[in-house]
Amino acid sequence: AELYDPLTGSWTTAGSMAGPRQGQTATLLKDGR
């Protein structure tokens, strides 16, 4: 996984998921996770 910072226009690595996946869904929860 990686993060895009719109203020700098740059990408950095983020923590990886427990295993690989493609075609998944991602939902922002109320607590920010």
Full PDB file with SEQRES, HELIX, SHEET, SSBOND, CRYST1, ORIGX, SCALE, CONECT and MASTER records, all heavy atoms in Angstrom:
SEQRES   1 A   33  ALA GLU LEU TYR ASP PRO LEU THR GLY SER TRP THR THR          
SEQRES   2 A   33  ALA GLY SER MET ALA GLY PRO ARG GLN GLY GLN THR ALA          
SEQRES   3 A   33  THR LEU LEU LYS ASP GLY ARG                                  
SHEET    1 AA1 2 GLU A   2  ASP A   5  0                                        
SHEET    2 AA1 2 SER A  10  THR A  13 -1                                        
CRYST1    1.000    1.000    1.000  90.00  90.00  90.00 P 1           1          
ORIGX1      1.000000  0.000000  0.000000        0.00000                         
ORIGX2      0.000000  1.000000  0.000000        0.00000                         
ORIGX3      0.000000  0.000000  1.000000        0.00000                         
SCALE1      1.000000  0.000000  0.000000        0.00000                         
SCALE2      0.000000  1.000000  0.000000        0.00000                         
SCALE3      0.000000  0.000000  1.000000        0.00000                         
ATOM      1  N   ALA A   1       0.855  -1.182   0.000  1.00  0.00           N  
ATOM      2  CA  ALA A   1       0.000   0.000   0.000  1.00  0.00           C  
ATOM      3  C   ALA A   1       0.892   1.232   0.000  1.00  0.00           C  
ATOM      4  O   ALA A   1       2.066   1.169   0.386  1.00  0.00           O  
ATOM      5  CB  ALA A   1      -0.910  -0.002   1.226  1.00  0.00           C  
ATOM      6  N   GLU A   2       0.341   2.341  -0.446  1.00  0.00           N  
ATOM      7  CA  GLU A   2       1.093   3.601  -0.449  1.00  0.00           C  
ATOM      8  C   GLU A   2       0.152   4.771  -0.256  1.00  0.00           C  
ATOM      9  O   GLU A   2      -1.059   4.652  -0.446  1.00  0.00           O  
ATOM     10  CB  GLU A   2       1.927   3.744  -1.716  1.00  0.00           C  
ATOM     11  CG  GLU A   2       1.214   3.487  -3.025  1.00  0.00           C  
ATOM     12  CD  GLU A   2       2.193   3.376  -4.185  1.00  0.00           C  
ATOM     13  OE1 GLU A   2       2.685   4.422  -4.644  1.00  0.00           O  
ATOM     14  OE2 GLU A   2       2.445   2.251  -4.642  1.00  0.00           O  
ATOM     15  N   LEU A   3       0.735   5.892   0.163  1.00  0.00           N  
ATOM     16  CA  LEU A   3      -0.026   7.104   0.456  1.00  0.00           C  
ATOM     17  C   LEU A   3       0.369   8.234  -0.484  1.00  0.00           C  
ATOM     18  O   LEU A   3       1.558   8.470  -0.720  1.00  0.00           O  
ATOM     19  CB  LEU A   3       0.241   7.570   1.888  1.00  0.00           C  
ATOM     20  CG  LEU A   3      -0.380   6.753   2.997  1.00  0.00           C  
ATOM     21  CD1 LEU A   3       0.187   7.192   4.340  1.00  0.00           C  
ATOM     22  CD2 LEU A   3      -1.887   6.913   2.977  1.00  0.00           C  
ATOM     23  N   TYR A   4      -0.639   8.941  -0.984  1.00  0.00           N  
ATOM     24  CA  TYR A   4      -0.413  10.131  -1.802  1.00  0.00           C  
ATOM     25  C   TYR A   4      -0.658  11.361  -0.942  1.00  0.00           C  
ATOM     26  O   TYR A   4      -1.697  11.473  -0.284  1.00  0.00           O  
ATOM     27  CB  TYR A   4      -1.361  10.144  -3.002  1.00  0.00           C  
ATOM     28  CG  TYR A   4      -1.268  11.404  -3.817  1.00  0.00           C  
ATOM     29  CD1 TYR A   4      -0.170  11.647  -4.623  1.00  0.00           C  
ATOM     30  CD2 TYR A   4      -2.276  12.353  -3.777  1.00  0.00           C  
ATOM     31  CE1 TYR A   4      -0.077  12.804  -5.375  1.00  0.00           C  
ATOM     32  CE2 TYR A   4      -2.194  13.517  -4.527  1.00  0.00           C  
ATOM     33  CZ  TYR A   4      -1.095  13.738  -5.321  1.00  0.00           C  
ATOM     34  OH  TYR A   4      -1.013  14.887  -6.068  1.00  0.00           O  
ATOM     35  N   ASP A   5       0.298  12.274  -0.949  1.00  0.00           N  
ATOM     36  CA  ASP A   5       0.181  13.542  -0.231  1.00  0.00           C  
ATOM     37  C   ASP A   5      -0.123  14.638  -1.251  1.00  0.00           C  
ATOM     38  O   ASP A   5       0.747  14.992  -2.050  1.00  0.00           O  
ATOM     39  CB  ASP A   5       1.476  13.857   0.507  1.00  0.00           C  
ATOM     40  CG  ASP A   5       1.418  15.138   1.312  1.00  0.00           C  
ATOM     41  OD1 ASP A   5       0.531  15.986   1.054  1.00  0.00           O  
ATOM     42  OD2 ASP A   5       2.263  15.298   2.201  1.00  0.00           O  
ATOM     43  N   PRO A   6      -1.349  15.177  -1.267  1.00  0.00           N  
ATOM     44  CA  PRO A   6      -1.699  16.177  -2.269  1.00  0.00           C  
ATOM     45  C   PRO A   6      -0.950  17.505  -2.106  1.00  0.00           C  
ATOM     46  O   PRO A   6      -0.850  18.272  -3.062  1.00  0.00           O  
ATOM     47  CB  PRO A   6      -3.205  16.364  -2.083  1.00  0.00           C  
ATOM     48  CG  PRO A   6      -3.460  15.956  -0.673  1.00  0.00           C  
ATOM     49  CD  PRO A   6      -2.460  14.884  -0.365  1.00  0.00           C  
ATOM     50  N   LEU A   7      -0.410  17.760  -0.924  1.00  0.00           N  
ATOM     51  CA  LEU A   7       0.338  19.009  -0.720  1.00  0.00           C  
ATOM     52  C   LEU A   7       1.696  18.976  -1.403  1.00  0.00           C  
ATOM     53  O   LEU A   7       2.186  19.998  -1.869  1.00  0.00           O  
ATOM     54  CB  LEU A   7       0.501  19.290   0.776  1.00  0.00           C  
ATOM     55  CG  LEU A   7      -0.797  19.494   1.558  1.00  0.00           C  
ATOM     56  CD1 LEU A   7      -0.503  19.700   3.040  1.00  0.00           C  
ATOM     57  CD2 LEU A   7      -1.585  20.660   0.985  1.00  0.00           C  
ATOM     58  N   THR A   8       2.299  17.782  -1.469  1.00  0.00           N  
ATOM     59  CA  THR A   8       3.620  17.655  -2.091  1.00  0.00           C  
ATOM     60  C   THR A   8       3.567  16.958  -3.445  1.00  0.00           C  
ATOM     61  O   THR A   8       4.549  16.985  -4.188  1.00  0.00           O  
ATOM     62  CB  THR A   8       4.579  16.862  -1.180  1.00  0.00           C  
ATOM     63  OG1 THR A   8       4.079  15.524  -1.033  1.00  0.00           O  
ATOM     64  CG2 THR A   8       4.718  17.522   0.180  1.00  0.00           C  
ATOM     65  N   GLY A   9       2.438  16.298  -3.747  1.00  0.00           N  
ATOM     66  CA  GLY A   9       2.329  15.552  -4.995  1.00  0.00           C  
ATOM     67  C   GLY A   9       3.201  14.304  -5.000  1.00  0.00           C  
ATOM     68  O   GLY A   9       3.556  13.806  -6.065  1.00  0.00           O  
ATOM     69  N   SER A  10       3.521  13.788  -3.816  1.00  0.00           N  
ATOM     70  CA  SER A  10       4.427  12.638  -3.744  1.00  0.00           C  
ATOM     71  C   SER A  10       3.764  11.449  -3.062  1.00  0.00           C  
ATOM     72  O   SER A  10       2.774  11.587  -2.349  1.00  0.00           O  
ATOM     73  CB  SER A  10       5.698  13.020  -2.999  1.00  0.00           C  
ATOM     74  OG  SER A  10       5.395  13.380  -1.667  1.00  0.00           O  
ATOM     75  N   TRP A  11       4.355  10.279  -3.282  1.00  0.00           N  
ATOM     76  CA  TRP A  11       3.878   9.013  -2.745  1.00  0.00           C  
ATOM     77  C   TRP A  11       4.907   8.435  -1.790  1.00  0.00           C  
ATOM     78  O   TRP A  11       6.101   8.555  -2.028  1.00  0.00           O  
ATOM     79  CB  TRP A  11       3.658   8.012  -3.879  1.00  0.00           C  
ATOM     80  CG  TRP A  11       2.553   8.384  -4.804  1.00  0.00           C  
ATOM     81  CD1 TRP A  11       2.632   9.227  -5.879  1.00  0.00           C  
ATOM     82  CD2 TRP A  11       1.207   7.940  -4.756  1.00  0.00           C  
ATOM     83  NE1 TRP A  11       1.416   9.327  -6.487  1.00  0.00           N  
ATOM     84  CE2 TRP A  11       0.522   8.539  -5.820  1.00  0.00           C  
ATOM     85  CE3 TRP A  11       0.517   7.079  -3.906  1.00  0.00           C  
ATOM     86  CZ2 TRP A  11      -0.833   8.304  -6.059  1.00  0.00           C  
ATOM     87  CZ3 TRP A  11      -0.832   6.844  -4.150  1.00  0.00           C  
ATOM     88  CH2 TRP A  11      -1.496   7.454  -5.216  1.00  0.00           C  
ATOM     89  N   THR A  12       4.434   7.790  -0.724  1.00  0.00           N  
ATOM     90  CA  THR A  12       5.308   7.071   0.198  1.00  0.00           C  
ATOM     91  C   THR A  12       4.686   5.711   0.487  1.00  0.00           C  
ATOM     92  O   THR A  12       3.466   5.549   0.389  1.00  0.00           O  
ATOM     93  CB  THR A  12       5.504   7.827   1.532  1.00  0.00           C  
ATOM     94  OG1 THR A  12       4.211   8.077   2.109  1.00  0.00           O  
ATOM     95  CG2 THR A  12       6.230   9.145   1.324  1.00  0.00           C  
ATOM     96  N   THR A  13       5.523   4.760   0.851  1.00  0.00           N  
ATOM     97  CA  THR A  13       4.990   3.438   1.168  1.00  0.00           C  
ATOM     98  C   THR A  13       4.236   3.487   2.492  1.00  0.00           C  
ATOM     99  O   THR A  13       4.551   4.275   3.376  1.00  0.00           O  
ATOM    100  CB  THR A  13       6.116   2.390   1.246  1.00  0.00           C  
ATOM    101  OG1 THR A  13       7.066   2.807   2.227  1.00  0.00           O  
ATOM    102  CG2 THR A  13       6.802   2.205  -0.090  1.00  0.00           C  
ATOM    103  N   ALA A  14       3.220   2.654   2.577  1.00  0.00           N  
ATOM    104  CA  ALA A  14       2.435   2.486   3.802  1.00  0.00           C  
ATOM    105  C   ALA A  14       2.542   1.021   4.188  1.00  0.00           C  
ATOM    106  O   ALA A  14       3.056   0.204   3.418  1.00  0.00           O  
ATOM    107  CB  ALA A  14       0.981   2.880   3.555  1.00  0.00           C  
ATOM    108  N   GLY A  15       2.065   0.668   5.347  1.00  0.00           N  
ATOM    109  CA  GLY A  15       2.116  -0.726   5.776  1.00  0.00           C  
ATOM    110  C   GLY A  15       1.406  -1.644   4.801  1.00  0.00           C  
ATOM    111  O   GLY A  15       0.375  -1.283   4.234  1.00  0.00           O  
ATOM    112  N   SER A  16       1.965  -2.820   4.589  1.00  0.00           N  
ATOM    113  CA  SER A  16       1.358  -3.794   3.681  1.00  0.00           C  
ATOM    114  C   SER A  16       0.201  -4.519   4.359  1.00  0.00           C  
ATOM    115  O   SER A  16       0.149  -4.641   5.583  1.00  0.00           O  
ATOM    116  CB  SER A  16       2.399  -4.816   3.237  1.00  0.00           C  
ATOM    117  OG  SER A  16       3.347  -4.213   2.383  1.00  0.00           O  
ATOM    118  N   MET A  17      -0.700  -5.025   3.543  1.00  0.00           N  
ATOM    119  CA  MET A  17      -1.788  -5.855   4.045  1.00  0.00           C  
ATOM    120  C   MET A  17      -1.226  -7.214   4.455  1.00  0.00           C  
ATOM    121  O   MET A  17      -0.086  -7.546   4.127  1.00  0.00           O  
ATOM    122  CB  MET A  17      -2.856  -6.008   2.967  1.00  0.00           C  
ATOM    123  CG  MET A  17      -3.533  -4.691   2.607  1.00  0.00           C  
ATOM    124  SD  MET A  17      -4.821  -4.866   1.350  1.00  0.00           S  
ATOM    125  CE  MET A  17      -3.835  -5.202  -0.112  1.00  0.00           C  
ATOM    126  N   ALA A  18      -2.028  -8.011   5.144  1.00  0.00           N  
ATOM    127  CA  ALA A  18      -1.581  -9.330   5.603  1.00  0.00           C  
ATOM    128  C   ALA A  18      -1.247 -10.250   4.438  1.00  0.00           C  
ATOM    129  O   ALA A  18      -0.427 -11.149   4.569  1.00  0.00           O  
ATOM    130  CB  ALA A  18      -2.643  -9.964   6.487  1.00  0.00           C  
ATOM    131  N   GLY A  19      -1.861 -10.015   3.296  1.00  0.00           N  
ATOM    132  CA  GLY A  19      -1.591 -10.814   2.107  1.00  0.00           C  
ATOM    133  C   GLY A  19      -2.032 -10.072   0.864  1.00  0.00           C  
ATOM    134  O   GLY A  19      -2.706  -9.044   0.947  1.00  0.00           O  
ATOM    135  N   PRO A  20      -1.666 -10.569  -0.304  1.00  0.00           N  
ATOM    136  CA  PRO A  20      -2.000  -9.880  -1.548  1.00  0.00           C  
ATOM    137  C   PRO A  20      -3.481  -9.982  -1.884  1.00  0.00           C  
ATOM    138  O   PRO A  20      -4.145 -10.946  -1.512  1.00  0.00           O  
ATOM    139  CB  PRO A  20      -1.156 -10.614  -2.585  1.00  0.00           C  
ATOM    140  CG  PRO A  20      -0.972 -11.977  -2.021  1.00  0.00           C  
ATOM    141  CD  PRO A  20      -0.916 -11.800  -0.537  1.00  0.00           C  
ATOM    142  N   ARG A  21      -3.977  -8.971  -2.585  1.00  0.00           N  
ATOM    143  CA  ARG A  21      -5.346  -8.995  -3.100  1.00  0.00           C  
ATOM    144  C   ARG A  21      -5.493  -7.973  -4.220  1.00  0.00           C  
ATOM    145  O   ARG A  21      -4.809  -6.967  -4.244  1.00  0.00           O  
ATOM    146  CB  ARG A  21      -6.378  -8.768  -1.998  1.00  0.00           C  
ATOM    147  CG  ARG A  21      -6.293  -7.418  -1.348  1.00  0.00           C  
ATOM    148  CD  ARG A  21      -7.435  -7.141  -0.393  1.00  0.00           C  
ATOM    149  NE  ARG A  21      -7.269  -7.826   0.867  1.00  0.00           N  
ATOM    150  CZ  ARG A  21      -8.254  -8.389   1.547  1.00  0.00           C  
ATOM    151  NH1 ARG A  21      -9.482  -8.362   1.115  1.00  0.00           N  
ATOM    152  NH2 ARG A  21      -8.031  -8.976   2.692  1.00  0.00           N  
ATOM    153  N   GLN A  22      -6.399  -8.256  -5.124  1.00  0.00           N  
ATOM    154  CA  GLN A  22      -6.765  -7.333  -6.194  1.00  0.00           C  
ATOM    155  C   GLN A  22      -8.273  -7.373  -6.373  1.00  0.00           C  
ATOM    156  O   GLN A  22      -8.911  -8.364  -6.053  1.00  0.00           O  
ATOM    157  CB  GLN A  22      -6.063  -7.701  -7.497  1.00  0.00           C  
ATOM    158  CG  GLN A  22      -6.392  -9.093  -8.001  1.00  0.00           C  
ATOM    159  CD  GLN A  22      -5.739  -9.405  -9.319  1.00  0.00           C  
ATOM    160  OE1 GLN A  22      -5.931  -8.690 -10.285  1.00  0.00           O  
ATOM    161  NE2 GLN A  22      -4.969 -10.486  -9.360  1.00  0.00           N  
ATOM    162  N   GLY A  23      -8.841  -6.265  -6.834  1.00  0.00           N  
ATOM    163  CA  GLY A  23     -10.278  -6.207  -7.041  1.00  0.00           C  
ATOM    164  C   GLY A  23     -11.076  -6.145  -5.750  1.00  0.00           C  
ATOM    165  O   GLY A  23     -12.268  -6.451  -5.730  1.00  0.00           O  
ATOM    166  N   GLN A  24     -10.457  -5.717  -4.674  1.00  0.00           N  
ATOM    167  CA  GLN A  24     -11.093  -5.642  -3.373  1.00  0.00           C  
ATOM    168  C   GLN A  24     -11.890  -4.344  -3.222  1.00  0.00           C  
ATOM    169  O   GLN A  24     -11.909  -3.524  -4.114  1.00  0.00           O  
ATOM    170  CB  GLN A  24     -10.029  -5.721  -2.264  1.00  0.00           C  
ATOM    171  CG  GLN A  24      -9.125  -4.514  -2.171  1.00  0.00           C  
ATOM    172  CD  GLN A  24      -7.960  -4.527  -3.157  1.00  0.00           C  
ATOM    173  OE1 GLN A  24      -7.840  -5.403  -3.980  1.00  0.00           O  
ATOM    174  NE2 GLN A  24      -7.115  -3.522  -3.064  1.00  0.00           N  
ATOM    175  N   THR A  25     -12.529  -4.181  -2.065  1.00  0.00           N  
ATOM    176  CA  THR A  25     -13.162  -2.914  -1.716  1.00  0.00           C  
ATOM    177  C   THR A  25     -12.450  -2.336  -0.498  1.00  0.00           C  
ATOM    178  O   THR A  25     -11.870  -3.071   0.299  1.00  0.00           O  
ATOM    179  CB  THR A  25     -14.658  -3.078  -1.390  1.00  0.00           C  
ATOM    180  OG1 THR A  25     -14.800  -3.906  -0.244  1.00  0.00           O  
ATOM    181  CG2 THR A  25     -15.415  -3.681  -2.559  1.00  0.00           C  
ATOM    182  N   ALA A  26     -12.490  -1.024  -0.376  1.00  0.00           N  
ATOM    183  CA  ALA A  26     -11.904  -0.333   0.777  1.00  0.00           C  
ATOM    184  C   ALA A  26     -12.911   0.694   1.260  1.00  0.00           C  
ATOM    185  O   ALA A  26     -13.418   1.491   0.464  1.00  0.00           O  
ATOM    186  CB  ALA A  26     -10.589   0.327   0.397  1.00  0.00           C  
ATOM    187  N   THR A  27     -13.183   0.665   2.555  1.00  0.00           N  
ATOM    188  CA  THR A  27     -14.192   1.549   3.142  1.00  0.00           C  
ATOM    189  C   THR A  27     -13.574   2.357   4.266  1.00  0.00           C  
ATOM    190  O   THR A  27     -12.973   1.789   5.184  1.00  0.00           O  
ATOM    191  CB  THR A  27     -15.371   0.708   3.696  1.00  0.00           C  
ATOM    192  OG1 THR A  27     -15.885  -0.105   2.645  1.00  0.00           O  
ATOM    193  CG2 THR A  27     -16.465   1.604   4.250  1.00  0.00           C  
ATOM    194  N   LEU A  28     -13.726   3.673   4.206  1.00  0.00           N  
ATOM    195  CA  LEU A  28     -13.265   4.544   5.280  1.00  0.00           C  
ATOM    196  C   LEU A  28     -14.261   4.459   6.423  1.00  0.00           C  
ATOM    197  O   LEU A  28     -15.453   4.731   6.255  1.00  0.00           O  
ATOM    198  CB  LEU A  28     -13.152   5.989   4.785  1.00  0.00           C  
ATOM    199  CG  LEU A  28     -12.680   7.008   5.808  1.00  0.00           C  
ATOM    200  CD1 LEU A  28     -11.252   6.702   6.268  1.00  0.00           C  
ATOM    201  CD2 LEU A  28     -12.765   8.413   5.223  1.00  0.00           C  
ATOM    202  N   LEU A  29     -13.776   4.058   7.601  1.00  0.00           N  
ATOM    203  CA  LEU A  29     -14.623   3.941   8.780  1.00  0.00           C  
ATOM    204  C   LEU A  29     -14.689   5.274   9.530  1.00  0.00           C  
ATOM    205  O   LEU A  29     -13.817   6.135   9.356  1.00  0.00           O  
ATOM    206  CB  LEU A  29     -14.084   2.838   9.693  1.00  0.00           C  
ATOM    207  CG  LEU A  29     -13.956   1.453   9.040  1.00  0.00           C  
ATOM    208  CD1 LEU A  29     -13.319   0.472  10.013  1.00  0.00           C  
ATOM    209  CD2 LEU A  29     -15.309   0.958   8.558  1.00  0.00           C  
ATOM    210  N   LYS A  30     -15.683   5.442  10.379  1.00  0.00           N  
ATOM    211  CA  LYS A  30     -15.866   6.696  11.117  1.00  0.00           C  
ATOM    212  C   LYS A  30     -14.662   7.050  11.982  1.00  0.00           C  
ATOM    213  O   LYS A  30     -14.385   8.222  12.204  1.00  0.00           O  
ATOM    214  CB  LYS A  30     -17.117   6.628  11.991  1.00  0.00           C  
ATOM    215  CG  LYS A  30     -18.391   6.718  11.206  1.00  0.00           C  
ATOM    216  CD  LYS A  30     -19.603   6.745  12.115  1.00  0.00           C  
ATOM    217  CE  LYS A  30     -20.865   6.840  11.298  1.00  0.00           C  
ATOM    218  NZ  LYS A  30     -22.051   6.990  12.137  1.00  0.00           N  
ATOM    219  N   ASP A  31     -13.915   6.042  12.453  1.00  0.00           N  
ATOM    220  CA  ASP A  31     -12.764   6.319  13.309  1.00  0.00           C  
ATOM    221  C   ASP A  31     -11.487   6.608  12.516  1.00  0.00           C  
ATOM    222  O   ASP A  31     -10.417   6.773  13.090  1.00  0.00           O  
ATOM    223  CB  ASP A  31     -12.528   5.167  14.294  1.00  0.00           C  
ATOM    224  CG  ASP A  31     -12.140   3.862  13.619  1.00  0.00           C  
ATOM    225  OD1 ASP A  31     -11.967   3.826  12.377  1.00  0.00           O  
ATOM    226  OD2 ASP A  31     -12.000   2.858  14.339  1.00  0.00           O  
ATOM    227  N   GLY A  32     -11.592   6.676  11.184  1.00  0.00           N  
ATOM    228  CA  GLY A  32     -10.449   7.026  10.342  1.00  0.00           C  
ATOM    229  C   GLY A  32      -9.690   5.841   9.784  1.00  0.00           C  
ATOM    230  O   GLY A  32      -8.847   5.998   8.910  1.00  0.00           O  
ATOM    231  N   ARG A  33      -9.976   4.632  10.281  1.00  0.00           N  
ATOM    232  CA  ARG A  33      -9.326   3.449   9.727  1.00  0.00           C  
ATOM    233  C   ARG A  33      -9.983   3.065   8.409  1.00  0.00           C  
ATOM    234  O   ARG A  33     -11.097   3.494   8.108  1.00  0.00           O  
ATOM    235  CB  ARG A  33      -9.397   2.282  10.716  1.00  0.00           C  
ATOM    236  CG  ARG A  33      -8.604   2.535  11.989  1.00  0.00           C  
ATOM    237  CD  ARG A  33      -8.652   1.384  12.944  1.00  0.00           C  
ATOM    238  NE  ARG A  33     -10.039   1.131  13.354  1.00  0.00           N  
ATOM    239  CZ  ARG A  33     -10.469   0.016  13.926  1.00  0.00           C  
ATOM    240  NH1 ARG A  33      -9.625  -0.968  14.182  1.00  0.00           N  
ATOM    241  NH2 ARG A  33     -11.735  -0.123  14.266  1.00  0.00           N  
TER     242      ARG A  33                                                      
MASTER        0    0    0    0    2    0    0    6  241    1    0    3          
END                                                                             
